[in-house]
């Protein structure tokens, strides 16, 4: 089992930045790929970004590419999502997930955090 806890969400003005953190505990986090998904009211959970178990192969959805950065610190069992140039459309609950490989589909991930709310005001 891997337990994931997100933090760092909040209210920010458009154009601002936030850094989300994902704290992992339990089985070896470093052996799992990590991803961030988001969900806004009335929409399904959508892929944001993912990174391989060693920190390589970062992938980003087109709507965040060039604005978001995904990082991980395996010795500290931490993952991060640096979000820059935020726009109101980024408003959502953001979830951290861990899985055997990088997937763009939420159903493929084995472990999930509880989510953290990000609200971007215009």
C-alpha atoms as a PDB file:
ATOM      1  CA  UNK A   1       0.000   0.000   0.000  1.00  0.00           C
ATOM      2  CA  UNK A   2       1.030   3.564  -0.674  1.00  0.00           C
ATOM      3  CA  UNK A   3      -0.647   6.416   1.152  1.00  0.00           C
ATOM      4  CA  UNK A   4      -0.652   9.795  -0.554  1.00  0.00           C
ATOM      5  CA  UNK A   5      -1.480  13.170   0.955  1.00  0.00           C
ATOM      6  CA  UNK A   6      -1.678  16.327  -1.138  1.00  0.00           C
ATOM      7  CA  UNK A   7      -1.176  19.850   0.147  1.00  0.00           C
ATOM      8  CA  UNK A   8      -0.500  23.317  -1.159  1.00  0.00           C
ATOM      9  CA  UNK A   9      -3.805  24.175  -2.770  1.00  0.00           C
ATOM     10  CA  UNK A  10      -5.521  27.485  -2.257  1.00  0.00           C
ATOM     11  CA  UNK A  11      -6.863  30.623  -3.858  1.00  0.00           C
ATOM     12  CA  UNK A  12      -4.658  32.502  -6.301  1.00  0.00           C
ATOM     13  CA  UNK A  13      -5.193  35.235  -8.858  1.00  0.00           C
ATOM     14  CA  UNK A  14      -4.852  34.544 -12.543  1.00  0.00           C
ATOM     15  CA  UNK A  15      -1.220  34.720 -13.581  1.00  0.00           C
ATOM     16  CA  UNK A  16      -0.039  33.535 -10.200  1.00  0.00           C
ATOM     17  CA  UNK A  17       1.686  30.351  -9.109  1.00  0.00           C
ATOM     18  CA  UNK A  18       1.131  27.518  -6.675  1.00  0.00           C
ATOM     19  CA  UNK A  19       3.185  24.511  -5.738  1.00  0.00           C
ATOM     20  CA  UNK A  20       1.337  21.360  -4.818  1.00  0.00           C
ATOM     21  CA  UNK A  21       3.026  18.687  -2.745  1.00  0.00           C
ATOM     22  CA  UNK A  22       2.295  14.983  -2.507  1.00  0.00           C
ATOM     23  CA  UNK A  23       3.648  13.206   0.566  1.00  0.00           C
ATOM     24  CA  UNK A  24       3.915   9.430   0.228  1.00  0.00           C
ATOM     25  CA  UNK A  25       4.212   6.751   2.858  1.00  0.00           C
ATOM     26  CA  UNK A  26       3.986   2.979   2.949  1.00  0.00           C
ATOM     27  CA  UNK A  27       5.505   0.795   0.278  1.00  0.00           C
ATOM     28  CA  UNK A  28       8.414   2.058  -1.798  1.00  0.00           C
ATOM     29  CA  UNK A  29       7.110   5.185  -3.452  1.00  0.00           C
ATOM     30  CA  UNK A  30      10.257   5.322  -5.550  1.00  0.00           C
ATOM     31  CA  UNK A  31       9.180   2.214  -7.433  1.00  0.00           C
ATOM     32  CA  UNK A  32       5.980   3.830  -8.734  1.00  0.00           C
ATOM     33  CA  UNK A  33       5.269   6.312 -11.452  1.00  0.00           C
ATOM     34  CA  UNK A  34       3.498   9.393 -10.156  1.00  0.00           C
ATOM     35  CA  UNK A  35       0.823  11.506 -11.756  1.00  0.00           C
ATOM     36  CA  UNK A  36      -1.400  14.477 -11.090  1.00  0.00           C
ATOM     37  CA  UNK A  37      -5.012  14.585 -12.155  1.00  0.00           C
ATOM     38  CA  UNK A  38      -7.664  17.208 -11.628  1.00  0.00           C
ATOM     39  CA  UNK A  39     -11.421  17.324 -11.458  1.00  0.00           C
ATOM     40  CA  UNK A  40     -13.732  20.313 -11.656  1.00  0.00           C
ATOM     41  CA  UNK A  41     -17.506  20.296 -11.021  1.00  0.00           C
ATOM     42  CA  UNK A  42     -19.423  18.506 -13.736  1.00  0.00           C
ATOM     43  CA  UNK A  43     -16.313  17.101 -15.376  1.00  0.00           C
ATOM     44  CA  UNK A  44     -14.474  13.824 -15.155  1.00  0.00           C
ATOM     45  CA  UNK A  45     -11.047  13.413 -13.660  1.00  0.00           C
ATOM     46  CA  UNK A  46      -8.528  14.577 -16.251  1.00  0.00           C
ATOM     47  CA  UNK A  47      -4.847  13.949 -16.662  1.00  0.00           C
ATOM     48  CA  UNK A  48      -2.495  16.819 -15.858  1.00  0.00           C
ATOM     49  CA  UNK A  49       1.054  15.452 -15.697  1.00  0.00           C
ATOM     50  CA  UNK A  50       3.064  12.338 -14.876  1.00  0.00           C
ATOM     51  CA  UNK A  51       6.637  11.365 -14.151  1.00  0.00           C
ATOM     52  CA  UNK A  52       8.458   8.054 -14.109  1.00  0.00           C
ATOM     53  CA  UNK A  53       9.688   6.277 -11.007  1.00  0.00           C
ATOM     54  CA  UNK A  54      13.214   7.661 -11.420  1.00  0.00           C
ATOM     55  CA  UNK A  55      12.114  11.194 -12.214  1.00  0.00           C
ATOM     56  CA  UNK A  56      12.399  10.791 -15.965  1.00  0.00           C
ATOM     57  CA  UNK A  57       9.890  10.837 -18.809  1.00  0.00           C
ATOM     58  CA  UNK A  58       7.754  13.785 -17.657  1.00  0.00           C
ATOM     59  CA  UNK A  59       4.540  14.103 -19.615  1.00  0.00           C
ATOM     60  CA  UNK A  60       2.026  16.916 -19.666  1.00  0.00           C
ATOM     61  CA  UNK A  61      -1.444  17.472 -20.988  1.00  0.00           C
ATOM     62  CA  UNK A  62      -1.529  20.106 -23.716  1.00  0.00           C
ATOM     63  CA  UNK A  63      -3.560  22.501 -21.587  1.00  0.00           C
ATOM     64  CA  UNK A  64      -0.783  22.760 -18.971  1.00  0.00           C
ATOM     65  CA  UNK A  65       2.319  22.213 -21.107  1.00  0.00           C
ATOM     66  CA  UNK A  66       4.785  25.029 -20.710  1.00  0.00           C
ATOM     67  CA  UNK A  67       3.107  26.265 -17.528  1.00  0.00           C
ATOM     68  CA  UNK A  68       3.331  23.306 -15.113  1.00  0.00           C
ATOM     69  CA  UNK A  69       6.359  21.344 -13.933  1.00  0.00           C
ATOM     70  CA  UNK A  70       6.253  17.926 -12.285  1.00  0.00           C
ATOM     71  CA  UNK A  71       9.001  16.862  -9.905  1.00  0.00           C
ATOM     72  CA  UNK A  72       9.695  14.148  -7.396  1.00  0.00           C
ATOM     73  CA  UNK A  73      12.151  13.690  -4.546  1.00  0.00           C
ATOM     74  CA  UNK A  74      12.381   9.969  -3.878  1.00  0.00           C
ATOM     75  CA  UNK A  75      14.645  10.107  -0.810  1.00  0.00           C
ATOM     76  CA  UNK A  76      12.018  12.327   0.823  1.00  0.00           C
ATOM     77  CA  UNK A  77       9.053  10.387  -0.598  1.00  0.00           C
ATOM     78  CA  UNK A  78       7.672  13.581  -2.067  1.00  0.00           C
ATOM     79  CA  UNK A  79       6.156  14.627  -5.354  1.00  0.00           C
ATOM     80  CA  UNK A  80       5.421  18.141  -6.548  1.00  0.00           C
ATOM     81  CA  UNK A  81       3.430  19.996  -9.144  1.00  0.00           C
ATOM     82  CA  UNK A  82       4.682  23.526  -9.786  1.00  0.00           C
ATOM     83  CA  UNK A  83       1.886  25.478 -11.426  1.00  0.00           C
ATOM     84  CA  UNK A  84       2.732  28.785 -13.098  1.00  0.00           C
ATOM     85  CA  UNK A  85       0.742  31.279 -15.140  1.00  0.00           C
ATOM     86  CA  UNK A  86      -2.464  29.945 -13.665  1.00  0.00           C
ATOM     87  CA  UNK A  87      -5.741  30.659 -15.428  1.00  0.00           C
ATOM     88  CA  UNK A  88      -9.313  30.329 -14.128  1.00  0.00           C
ATOM     89  CA  UNK A  89      -9.762  27.143 -16.161  1.00  0.00           C
ATOM     90  CA  UNK A  90      -7.171  25.506 -13.899  1.00  0.00           C
ATOM     91  CA  UNK A  91      -9.642  25.670 -11.020  1.00  0.00           C
ATOM     92  CA  UNK A  92     -10.220  22.117  -9.800  1.00  0.00           C
ATOM     93  CA  UNK A  93      -9.463  19.594  -7.107  1.00  0.00           C
ATOM     94  CA  UNK A  94      -6.004  18.227  -7.811  1.00  0.00           C
ATOM     95  CA  UNK A  95      -5.146  14.623  -7.019  1.00  0.00           C
ATOM     96  CA  UNK A  96      -1.833  12.849  -6.717  1.00  0.00           C
ATOM     97  CA  UNK A  97      -1.708   9.231  -7.911  1.00  0.00           C
ATOM     98  CA  UNK A  98       0.816   6.399  -8.009  1.00  0.00           C
ATOM     99  CA  UNK A  99       0.896   3.486 -10.395  1.00  0.00           C
ATOM    100  CA  UNK A 100       3.123   0.877 -11.988  1.00  0.00           C
ATOM    101  CA  UNK A 101       3.721   2.937 -15.127  1.00  0.00           C
ATOM    102  CA  UNK A 102       2.825   6.272 -16.622  1.00  0.00           C
ATOM    103  CA  UNK A 103      -0.731   6.231 -17.883  1.00  0.00           C
ATOM    104  CA  UNK A 104      -2.991   9.030 -18.994  1.00  0.00           C
ATOM    105  CA  UNK A 105      -6.073   7.197 -17.707  1.00  0.00           C
ATOM    106  CA  UNK A 106      -7.051   7.559 -14.067  1.00  0.00           C
ATOM    107  CA  UNK A 107      -8.362   3.989 -13.834  1.00  0.00           C
ATOM    108  CA  UNK A 108      -4.825   2.658 -14.317  1.00  0.00           C
ATOM    109  CA  UNK A 109      -3.524   4.146 -11.083  1.00  0.00           C
ATOM    110  CA  UNK A 110      -3.501   2.085  -7.914  1.00  0.00           C
ATOM    111  CA  UNK A 111      -3.185   4.720  -5.210  1.00  0.00           C
ATOM    112  CA  UNK A 112      -4.751   8.140  -4.763  1.00  0.00           C
ATOM    113  CA  UNK A 113      -4.631  11.031  -2.370  1.00  0.00           C
ATOM    114  CA  UNK A 114      -7.672  12.851  -1.065  1.00  0.00           C
ATOM    115  CA  UNK A 115      -7.168  15.899  -3.275  1.00  0.00           C
ATOM    116  CA  UNK A 116      -6.445  19.560  -2.701  1.00  0.00           C
ATOM    117  CA  UNK A 117      -8.565  22.439  -4.004  1.00  0.00           C
ATOM    118  CA  UNK A 118      -7.038  24.992  -6.347  1.00  0.00           C
ATOM    119  CA  UNK A 119      -9.086  28.067  -7.167  1.00  0.00           C
ATOM    120  CA  UNK A 120      -7.885  30.646  -9.671  1.00  0.00           C
ATOM    121  CA  UNK A 121      -9.730  33.955  -9.679  1.00  0.00           C
ATOM    122  CA  UNK A 122      -9.914  36.201 -12.717  1.00  0.00           C
END
